[in-house]
């Protein structure tokens, strides 16, 4: 076979040779058939068909942000983050830019991402106050509300930015309180969520069904099995699948190959998105429709952290924010504000989450909202296990359905914000050119991965 340009011949061979490419990108089922049938039955029982054709007169504030970085030969990293809020003709915008240095590209990425998220929260809160939004209005944020809350509170490794986590959680709390006090509907909307709360709940239900088939065992042992699977395996207490299987066999013996299949599934990085797509394509769930609503539990590590704060916020601050305290030693109000932020973190509301399918050709969309949307007052730390909620989400569905305008416009409000706030390469070039001229700098030399020299 003759060589083709751009290695196309070799890439074609990889597609044919590696079946995982076809299975994963096609959102096909990977695993034993018996388990697929169980999942199909469970997801059908926990899926609700919904109606179409709604419109809304609600006032909607949509907020999104974007980020960009440029790395230079001296390891300096220029970052730019922007946030925009739109509510009808009203616009609320902000931009933050600075330089940082770090040896870790991942540290820089995490830091800049968090700065963008914080700016979005600040823009949302200030827009709410400026617009004086009231009961019945909607606040849409791009991304998961749970994901925003589940960052670990500790010093940032970036010099002169150690207190970023405290700043972030302070901004998040203020937004949550603004929405709760004004009775606003706060929604986080995600099109690319990697969470598996729904999958894990359905898997726990399948596990309980399997336990019923082992009725010959003592009730105490069945209870211990249930606790071990839900708390330790689904709770991500084991980092390796082999370790979990070995521990299971040590405690309970080798009862059934199906138990190993269930443990294997728990260790698969199968997100809810993939599960829903798989069964949608096979016609097992209705469209338009939605999944059950789940109150999301905290991961064990995060829950332990919050309990540490609850026991002694002062010790936690000294232990995990020593650099922040040092960097802000000139501000006498900083320790008190930091303690207040940590204490508020303990009281963060739990998050209710579900998935919606608005068009049979489209992909699932995840929706998060604080638990107080449904008149409840549980905290994140109080949720020991992800559980279904029997709540009315029709008002939320009507908002989302009325804002749906097709595959390329899944939400008219968020799409409009995204188009305007997105940081394109030519815009970053313009910022960089302005920076060079303003500071009278020689040509900026970039690190590898971008063109080497940028002239003003």
Protein backbone atom coordinates (compact mmCIF):
# COMPACT_ATOMS: atom_id res chain seq x y z
CA UNK A 1 0.00 0.00 0.00
CA UNK A 2 1.45 3.37 -1.01
CA UNK A 3 1.95 6.09 1.55
CA UNK A 4 -0.75 8.72 1.81
CA UNK A 5 -0.27 12.34 2.91
CA UNK A 6 -0.65 13.35 6.57
CA UNK A 7 -0.30 9.70 7.72
CA UNK A 8 -3.93 9.11 6.65
CA UNK A 9 -3.25 5.48 5.74
CA UNK A 10 -1.88 4.75 9.22
CA UNK A 11 -4.72 6.57 10.95
CA UNK A 12 -7.26 4.61 8.91
CA UNK A 13 -5.64 1.39 10.06
CA UNK A 14 -5.91 2.47 13.69
CA UNK A 15 -9.65 3.07 13.29
CA UNK A 16 -10.14 -0.46 11.97
CA UNK A 17 -7.82 -2.07 14.50
CA UNK A 18 -8.92 -0.41 17.74
CA UNK A 19 -12.52 -1.28 18.55
CA UNK A 20 -12.65 1.11 21.52
CA UNK A 21 -12.62 4.04 19.09
CA UNK A 22 -15.87 2.83 17.56
CA UNK A 23 -17.46 1.85 20.86
CA UNK A 24 -16.67 4.98 22.86
CA UNK A 25 -17.20 7.59 20.16
CA UNK A 26 -20.38 5.81 19.14
CA UNK A 27 -21.61 5.77 22.76
CA UNK A 28 -22.16 2.04 22.51
CA UNK A 29 -22.49 -0.26 25.48
CA UNK A 30 -19.22 -1.67 26.82
CA UNK A 31 -19.69 -4.50 29.31
CA UNK A 32 -21.64 -7.72 29.91
CA UNK A 33 -25.04 -8.03 28.25
CA UNK A 34 -26.85 -8.98 31.45
CA UNK A 35 -25.76 -5.69 33.00
CA UNK A 36 -26.84 -3.76 29.93
CA UNK A 37 -30.32 -5.24 30.25
CA UNK A 38 -30.44 -4.29 33.93
CA UNK A 39 -29.40 -0.71 33.18
CA UNK A 40 -31.97 -0.48 30.37
CA UNK A 41 -34.70 -1.53 32.80
CA UNK A 42 -33.53 0.85 35.54
CA UNK A 43 -33.12 3.91 33.35
CA UNK A 44 -36.55 3.35 31.78
CA UNK A 45 -38.12 3.30 35.26
CA UNK A 46 -36.33 6.49 36.23
CA UNK A 47 -36.99 8.51 33.08
CA UNK A 48 -39.94 10.83 32.52
CA UNK A 49 -41.42 11.84 29.16
CA UNK A 50 -41.98 15.60 28.92
CA UNK A 51 -43.99 17.93 26.69
CA UNK A 52 -42.80 20.53 24.17
CA UNK A 53 -44.01 23.89 22.95
CA UNK A 54 -43.55 26.17 25.95
CA UNK A 55 -42.72 29.88 26.06
CA UNK A 56 -41.66 32.06 28.98
CA UNK A 57 -42.09 35.65 30.06
CA UNK A 58 -39.57 35.28 32.87
CA UNK A 59 -36.69 37.73 33.12
CA UNK A 60 -33.55 35.70 32.33
CA UNK A 61 -30.01 36.68 33.25
CA UNK A 62 -27.41 34.51 31.47
CA UNK A 63 -23.74 34.60 32.47
CA UNK A 64 -20.70 32.99 30.87
CA UNK A 65 -16.97 33.61 30.68
CA UNK A 66 -13.83 32.75 28.74
CA UNK A 67 -10.11 32.54 29.32
CA UNK A 68 -6.83 32.60 27.43
CA UNK A 69 -3.14 32.31 28.28
CA UNK A 70 0.15 33.07 26.56
CA UNK A 71 3.37 31.50 27.83
CA UNK A 72 6.71 33.18 27.22
CA UNK A 73 10.27 31.95 27.11
CA UNK A 74 11.00 33.23 30.65
CA UNK A 75 8.15 31.06 32.05
CA UNK A 76 5.92 34.09 32.52
CA UNK A 77 2.28 33.30 31.75
CA UNK A 78 -0.07 36.07 30.73
CA UNK A 79 -3.68 35.21 31.50
CA UNK A 80 -6.85 36.98 30.45
CA UNK A 81 -10.31 36.09 31.78
CA UNK A 82 -13.57 37.74 30.79
CA UNK A 83 -17.15 37.41 32.01
CA UNK A 84 -20.38 38.72 30.55
CA UNK A 85 -23.95 38.82 31.78
CA UNK A 86 -26.89 39.55 29.47
CA UNK A 87 -30.47 40.26 30.51
CA UNK A 88 -32.52 41.60 27.61
CA UNK A 89 -30.75 44.77 26.43
CA UNK A 90 -28.76 45.10 29.68
CA UNK A 91 -25.08 44.11 29.65
CA UNK A 92 -22.70 43.48 32.54
CA UNK A 93 -19.05 42.77 31.84
CA UNK A 94 -15.68 42.44 33.51
CA UNK A 95 -12.14 41.46 32.56
CA UNK A 96 -9.11 40.48 34.62
CA UNK A 97 -5.54 40.02 33.40
CA UNK A 98 -2.18 39.46 35.06
CA UNK A 99 1.08 37.52 34.79
CA UNK A 100 2.00 34.48 36.87
CA UNK A 101 4.93 32.08 37.01
CA UNK A 102 4.81 28.36 37.74
CA UNK A 103 6.71 25.26 36.69
CA UNK A 104 3.48 23.31 36.29
CA UNK A 105 1.23 23.83 33.30
CA UNK A 106 -1.62 22.09 35.15
CA UNK A 107 -1.30 24.47 38.11
CA UNK A 108 -1.53 27.44 35.75
CA UNK A 109 -4.55 25.95 33.97
CA UNK A 110 -6.38 25.31 37.25
CA UNK A 111 -5.58 28.77 38.57
CA UNK A 112 -6.78 30.59 35.45
CA UNK A 113 -9.92 28.45 35.25
CA UNK A 114 -10.78 29.31 38.86
CA UNK A 115 -10.18 33.02 38.25
CA UNK A 116 -12.62 32.88 35.32
CA UNK A 117 -15.26 31.08 37.37
CA UNK A 118 -14.93 33.61 40.16
CA UNK A 119 -15.32 36.50 37.73
CA UNK A 120 -18.51 34.91 36.37
CA UNK A 121 -19.93 34.63 39.89
CA UNK A 122 -19.11 38.27 40.61
CA UNK A 123 -20.66 39.49 37.35
CA UNK A 124 -23.82 37.46 38.06
CA UNK A 125 -24.21 38.88 41.58
CA UNK A 126 -23.57 42.48 40.54
CA UNK A 127 -26.03 42.13 37.65
CA UNK A 128 -28.71 40.80 40.02
CA UNK A 129 -28.24 43.79 42.29
CA UNK A 130 -28.13 46.33 39.46
CA UNK A 131 -31.25 44.89 37.81
CA UNK A 132 -32.97 44.39 41.17
CA UNK A 133 -34.20 40.99 40.01
CA UNK A 134 -37.11 39.59 41.99
CA UNK A 135 -39.12 36.42 42.55
CA UNK A 136 -39.72 34.57 39.28
CA UNK A 137 -36.56 35.72 37.52
CA UNK A 138 -34.01 33.16 36.27
CA UNK A 139 -30.22 33.17 36.57
CA UNK A 140 -28.43 30.85 34.13
CA UNK A 141 -24.78 29.94 34.63
CA UNK A 142 -22.79 27.93 32.14
CA UNK A 143 -21.42 24.85 33.92
CA UNK A 144 -22.20 22.73 36.94
CA UNK A 145 -23.18 24.30 40.26
CA UNK A 146 -22.01 21.13 42.01
CA UNK A 147 -18.66 21.24 40.22
CA UNK A 148 -18.14 24.84 41.33
CA UNK A 149 -18.83 23.90 44.94
CA UNK A 150 -16.64 20.79 45.00
CA UNK A 151 -13.24 22.50 44.69
CA UNK A 152 -10.96 21.66 47.61
CA UNK A 153 -10.32 24.71 49.83
CA UNK A 154 -6.57 25.21 50.18
CA UNK A 155 -3.77 27.59 49.26
CA UNK A 156 -3.22 28.08 45.55
CA UNK A 157 0.41 27.25 44.63
CA UNK A 158 0.62 30.42 42.51
CA UNK A 159 2.68 33.17 44.14
CA UNK A 160 0.66 36.25 45.10
CA UNK A 161 -2.53 34.33 44.38
CA UNK A 162 -2.59 31.90 47.31
CA UNK A 163 -5.98 33.07 48.62
CA UNK A 164 -7.86 32.40 45.37
CA UNK A 165 -9.93 29.56 46.87
CA UNK A 166 -11.15 31.83 49.66
CA UNK A 167 -11.99 34.59 47.18
CA UNK A 168 -13.83 32.06 45.00
CA UNK A 169 -15.97 30.60 47.79
CA UNK A 170 -16.75 34.07 49.14
CA UNK A 171 -18.06 35.09 45.71
CA UNK A 172 -20.02 31.84 45.34
CA UNK A 173 -21.67 32.23 48.74
CA UNK A 174 -22.67 35.82 48.00
CA UNK A 175 -24.30 34.76 44.73
CA UNK A 176 -26.15 31.87 46.37
CA UNK A 177 -27.46 34.16 49.10
CA UNK A 178 -28.51 36.84 46.61
CA UNK A 179 -30.54 34.26 44.68
CA UNK A 180 -32.03 32.63 47.77
CA UNK A 181 -33.07 35.90 49.42
CA UNK A 182 -34.65 37.23 46.21
CA UNK A 183 -36.25 33.83 45.39
CA UNK A 184 -34.52 33.64 42.01
CA UNK A 185 -34.31 30.39 40.06
CA UNK A 186 -30.58 29.65 39.85
CA UNK A 187 -29.60 27.03 37.25
CA UNK A 188 -26.25 25.64 36.18
CA UNK A 189 -26.42 24.19 32.66
CA UNK A 190 -23.78 21.82 31.24
CA UNK A 191 -23.51 20.21 27.82
CA UNK A 192 -20.30 18.27 28.54
CA UNK A 193 -20.67 17.00 32.10
CA UNK A 194 -18.50 14.04 33.12
CA UNK A 195 -20.35 13.23 36.32
CA UNK A 196 -21.87 9.82 37.00
CA UNK A 197 -24.38 10.45 39.80
CA UNK A 198 -27.22 8.87 37.79
CA UNK A 199 -25.10 5.89 36.71
CA UNK A 200 -23.96 5.28 40.29
CA UNK A 201 -27.50 5.43 41.65
CA UNK A 202 -28.81 3.00 39.02
CA UNK A 203 -25.84 0.72 39.67
CA UNK A 204 -26.63 0.68 43.40
CA UNK A 205 -30.22 -0.33 42.56
CA UNK A 206 -28.97 -3.17 40.35
CA UNK A 207 -26.68 -4.27 43.17
CA UNK A 208 -29.65 -4.43 45.56
CA UNK A 209 -31.53 -6.59 43.05
CA UNK A 210 -28.59 -8.98 42.94
CA UNK A 211 -28.50 -9.17 46.72
CA UNK A 212 -32.12 -10.32 46.72
CA UNK A 213 -31.03 -13.31 44.67
CA UNK A 214 -28.65 -14.26 47.51
CA UNK A 215 -31.41 -14.70 50.08
CA UNK A 216 -29.72 -17.77 51.58
CA UNK A 217 -27.10 -15.58 53.24
CA UNK A 218 -27.60 -14.11 56.75
CA UNK A 219 -29.27 -10.70 56.80
CA UNK A 220 -26.25 -9.19 58.57
CA UNK A 221 -23.90 -10.25 55.79
CA UNK A 222 -26.21 -8.89 53.09
CA UNK A 223 -26.34 -5.58 54.94
CA UNK A 224 -22.53 -5.53 55.19
CA UNK A 225 -22.26 -6.21 51.44
CA UNK A 226 -24.64 -3.36 50.66
CA UNK A 227 -22.74 -0.97 52.90
CA UNK A 228 -19.36 -1.97 51.43
CA UNK A 229 -20.51 -1.54 47.83
CA UNK A 230 -22.27 1.79 48.32
CA UNK A 231 -19.91 3.37 50.82
CA UNK A 232 -16.50 2.05 49.80
CA UNK A 233 -16.74 1.12 46.12
CA UNK A 234 -19.18 3.75 44.83
CA UNK A 235 -17.68 6.14 47.40
CA UNK A 236 -14.32 5.82 45.58
CA UNK A 237 -12.42 4.53 48.58
CA UNK A 238 -10.25 2.32 46.36
CA UNK A 239 -7.98 3.71 43.67
CA UNK A 240 -7.60 0.38 41.82
CA UNK A 241 -10.19 -2.12 40.69
CA UNK A 242 -8.01 -5.10 41.68
CA UNK A 243 -7.69 -3.83 45.25
CA UNK A 244 -11.48 -3.49 45.55
CA UNK A 245 -12.12 -7.01 44.21
CA UNK A 246 -9.52 -8.51 46.52
CA UNK A 247 -10.97 -6.76 49.56
CA UNK A 248 -14.47 -7.92 48.57
CA UNK A 249 -13.34 -11.55 48.32
CA UNK A 250 -11.50 -11.34 51.65
CA UNK A 251 -14.64 -10.13 53.41
CA UNK A 252 -17.42 -11.95 51.57
CA UNK A 253 -15.88 -14.74 49.52
CA UNK A 254 -16.46 -15.44 45.82
CA UNK A 255 -20.27 -15.63 45.68
CA UNK A 256 -21.00 -14.60 42.10
CA UNK A 257 -19.20 -13.48 38.94
CA UNK A 258 -21.90 -10.84 38.63
CA UNK A 259 -20.53 -9.12 41.71
CA UNK A 260 -17.20 -8.69 39.94
CA UNK A 261 -19.06 -7.31 36.92
CA UNK A 262 -20.71 -4.71 39.16
CA UNK A 263 -17.37 -3.74 40.69
CA UNK A 264 -15.87 -3.49 37.19
CA UNK A 265 -18.69 -1.15 36.16
CA UNK A 266 -18.14 1.02 39.23
CA UNK A 267 -14.51 1.54 38.15
CA UNK A 268 -15.39 2.38 34.55
CA UNK A 269 -15.22 6.09 33.78
CA UNK A 270 -18.69 5.88 32.22
CA UNK A 271 -20.43 9.27 32.62
CA UNK A 272 -24.20 9.72 32.75
CA UNK A 273 -23.95 11.35 29.33
CA UNK A 274 -22.72 8.11 27.72
CA UNK A 275 -25.31 5.97 29.47
CA UNK A 276 -28.18 8.20 28.37
CA UNK A 277 -26.88 8.39 24.80
CA UNK A 278 -26.54 4.61 24.60
CA UNK A 279 -30.13 3.93 25.61
CA UNK A 280 -31.55 6.87 23.68
CA UNK A 281 -30.12 5.43 20.47
CA UNK A 282 -31.70 2.08 21.29
CA UNK A 283 -35.10 3.68 21.95
CA UNK A 284 -35.19 2.76 25.64
CA UNK A 285 -35.99 6.29 26.83
CA UNK A 286 -38.41 8.94 25.56
CA UNK A 287 -37.47 12.22 23.95
CA UNK A 288 -38.21 14.91 24.91
CA UNK A 289 -37.72 13.77 28.47
CA UNK A 290 -35.67 13.96 31.61
CA UNK A 291 -33.94 11.72 34.10
CA UNK A 292 -34.86 11.44 37.74
CA UNK A 293 -33.67 14.26 40.01
CA UNK A 294 -30.76 13.31 42.27
CA UNK A 295 -29.44 15.10 45.34
CA UNK A 296 -25.67 14.84 44.89
CA UNK A 297 -23.40 13.54 47.62
CA UNK A 298 -19.93 14.89 48.27
CA UNK A 299 -16.90 12.81 47.41
CA UNK A 300 -15.32 11.38 50.55
CA UNK A 301 -12.19 13.53 50.43
CA UNK A 302 -14.20 16.74 50.14
CA UNK A 303 -16.60 15.67 52.90
CA UNK A 304 -13.66 14.97 55.25
CA UNK A 305 -12.28 18.42 54.46
CA UNK A 306 -15.55 20.15 55.32
CA UNK A 307 -15.82 18.22 58.58
CA UNK A 308 -12.32 19.39 59.47
CA UNK A 309 -13.47 22.96 58.93
CA UNK A 310 -16.61 22.36 60.98
CA UNK A 311 -14.55 21.05 63.91
CA UNK A 312 -11.98 23.85 63.94
CA UNK A 313 -12.02 26.53 61.23
CA UNK A 314 -9.13 28.34 62.96
CA UNK A 315 -6.81 25.32 62.76
CA UNK A 316 -7.88 24.63 59.18
CA UNK A 317 -7.08 28.19 58.17
CA UNK A 318 -3.61 28.03 59.75
CA UNK A 319 -2.86 24.61 58.23
CA UNK A 320 -4.20 24.94 54.70
CA UNK A 321 -3.99 28.69 54.10
CA UNK A 322 -0.64 29.58 55.66
CA UNK A 323 0.60 31.19 52.42
CA UNK A 324 -2.62 33.18 52.13
CA UNK A 325 -2.20 34.49 55.66
CA UNK A 326 1.39 35.46 54.93
CA UNK A 327 0.60 37.17 51.60
CA UNK A 328 -2.22 39.15 53.24
CA UNK A 329 -0.44 39.93 56.52
CA UNK A 330 -0.78 43.65 55.79
CA UNK A 331 -4.58 43.40 55.82
CA UNK A 332 -5.85 43.17 59.43
CA UNK A 333 -9.33 42.18 58.26
CA UNK A 334 -8.17 39.18 56.20
CA UNK A 335 -8.11 36.46 58.94
CA UNK A 336 -11.66 37.30 60.06
CA UNK A 337 -13.01 37.35 56.49
CA UNK A 338 -11.22 34.08 55.71
CA UNK A 339 -12.72 32.39 58.78
CA UNK A 340 -16.18 33.62 57.87
CA UNK A 341 -15.78 32.21 54.34
CA UNK A 342 -14.71 28.80 55.67
CA UNK A 343 -17.64 28.71 58.11
CA UNK A 344 -20.01 29.53 55.26
CA UNK A 345 -18.53 26.70 53.22
CA UNK A 346 -19.85 24.28 55.85
CA UNK A 347 -23.36 25.62 55.18
CA UNK A 348 -23.31 25.42 51.38
CA UNK A 349 -26.66 24.03 50.16
CA UNK A 350 -26.84 20.61 48.61
CA UNK A 351 -27.32 20.44 44.85
CA UNK A 352 -30.15 18.74 42.94
CA UNK A 353 -29.19 17.53 39.47
CA UNK A 354 -30.89 15.91 36.50
CA UNK A 355 -30.43 15.44 32.74
CA UNK A 356 -32.74 16.58 29.96
CA UNK A 357 -33.10 15.53 26.32
CA UNK A 358 -34.80 18.25 24.31
CA UNK A 359 -34.36 16.75 20.84
CA UNK A 360 -33.76 13.15 19.74
CA UNK A 361 -30.83 14.33 17.57
CA UNK A 362 -29.18 16.26 20.38
CA UNK A 363 -27.03 15.23 23.34
CA UNK A 364 -28.14 15.28 27.00
CA UNK A 365 -27.90 18.48 29.01
CA UNK A 366 -27.22 18.42 32.74
CA UNK A 367 -29.06 20.88 34.98
CA UNK A 368 -28.12 21.77 38.58
CA UNK A 369 -30.03 23.88 41.09
CA UNK A 370 -29.65 24.47 44.85
CA UNK A 371 -31.89 22.34 47.04
CA UNK A 372 -33.68 25.43 48.36
CA UNK A 373 -35.28 25.76 44.91
CA UNK A 374 -37.67 23.06 46.18
CA UNK A 375 -38.19 24.53 49.64
CA UNK A 376 -35.61 22.29 51.36
CA UNK A 377 -32.63 23.34 53.45
CA UNK A 378 -30.11 20.49 53.48
CA UNK A 379 -26.40 21.20 53.31
CA UNK A 380 -23.92 19.54 50.97
CA UNK A 381 -22.21 17.96 53.94
CA UNK A 382 -25.50 16.38 55.10
CA UNK A 383 -25.90 14.25 51.95
CA UNK A 384 -24.22 10.94 52.77
CA UNK A 385 -25.39 9.17 49.62
CA UNK A 386 -26.77 10.40 46.29
CA UNK A 387 -30.52 9.83 46.43
CA UNK A 388 -33.57 10.53 44.24
CA UNK A 389 -35.79 13.51 44.97
CA UNK A 390 -39.53 13.58 44.36
CA UNK A 391 -39.81 17.24 43.35
CA UNK A 392 -41.62 19.27 40.71
CA UNK A 393 -39.15 20.36 38.01
CA UNK A 394 -41.77 21.37 35.43
CA UNK A 395 -41.04 25.11 35.90
CA UNK A 396 -37.37 24.39 35.16
CA UNK A 397 -38.27 22.24 32.18
CA UNK A 398 -40.45 25.01 30.72
CA UNK A 399 -37.59 27.52 30.96
CA UNK A 400 -35.11 25.16 29.27
CA UNK A 401 -37.55 24.01 26.60
CA UNK A 402 -38.61 27.55 25.74
CA UNK A 403 -34.95 28.53 25.31
CA UNK A 404 -34.07 25.60 23.06
CA UNK A 405 -33.51 26.52 19.41
CA UNK A 406 -31.88 23.45 17.91
CA UNK A 407 -28.63 21.53 17.92
CA UNK A 408 -26.40 24.58 17.51
CA UNK A 409 -28.40 26.73 19.90
CA UNK A 410 -29.21 24.55 22.91
CA UNK A 411 -30.03 27.61 25.02
CA UNK A 412 -30.69 30.95 23.32
CA UNK A 413 -29.57 32.98 26.33
CA UNK A 414 -26.32 31.14 27.06
CA UNK A 415 -25.45 30.83 23.36
CA UNK A 416 -25.75 34.58 22.89
CA UNK A 417 -23.45 35.24 25.85
CA UNK A 418 -20.95 32.62 24.71
CA UNK A 419 -20.67 34.09 21.22
CA UNK A 420 -19.85 37.52 22.59
CA UNK A 421 -17.59 36.66 25.52
CA UNK A 422 -15.49 33.97 23.81
CA UNK A 423 -11.79 34.89 23.60
CA UNK A 424 -10.70 34.17 20.06
CA UNK A 425 -7.07 34.04 19.05
CA UNK A 426 -7.14 37.29 17.06
CA UNK A 427 -8.56 39.13 20.08
CA UNK A 428 -5.79 37.79 22.33
CA UNK A 429 -3.26 38.86 19.67
CA UNK A 430 -4.76 42.35 19.84
CA UNK A 431 -4.49 42.43 23.66
CA UNK A 432 -0.89 41.24 23.45
CA UNK A 433 0.01 43.87 20.88
CA UNK A 434 -1.52 46.57 23.08
CA UNK A 435 0.45 45.25 26.05
CA UNK A 436 3.76 45.39 24.14
CA UNK A 437 3.17 48.93 22.91
CA UNK A 438 1.92 50.25 26.27
CA UNK A 439 4.96 48.90 28.15
CA UNK A 440 7.48 49.62 25.39
CA UNK A 441 8.59 45.99 25.31
CA UNK A 442 10.85 44.36 22.71
CA UNK A 443 9.36 41.53 20.64
CA UNK A 444 7.75 38.97 22.99
CA UNK A 445 9.28 35.51 22.66
CA UNK A 446 6.79 32.71 23.24
CA UNK A 447 7.48 29.23 24.51
CA UNK A 448 7.16 26.27 22.16
CA UNK A 449 3.63 25.50 21.06
CA UNK A 450 2.99 28.98 19.71
CA UNK A 451 4.79 31.01 17.12
CA UNK A 452 8.12 31.95 18.65
CA UNK A 453 8.13 35.74 18.32
CA UNK A 454 5.26 38.19 18.64
CA UNK A 455 6.00 41.67 17.33
CA UNK A 456 4.05 44.66 18.62
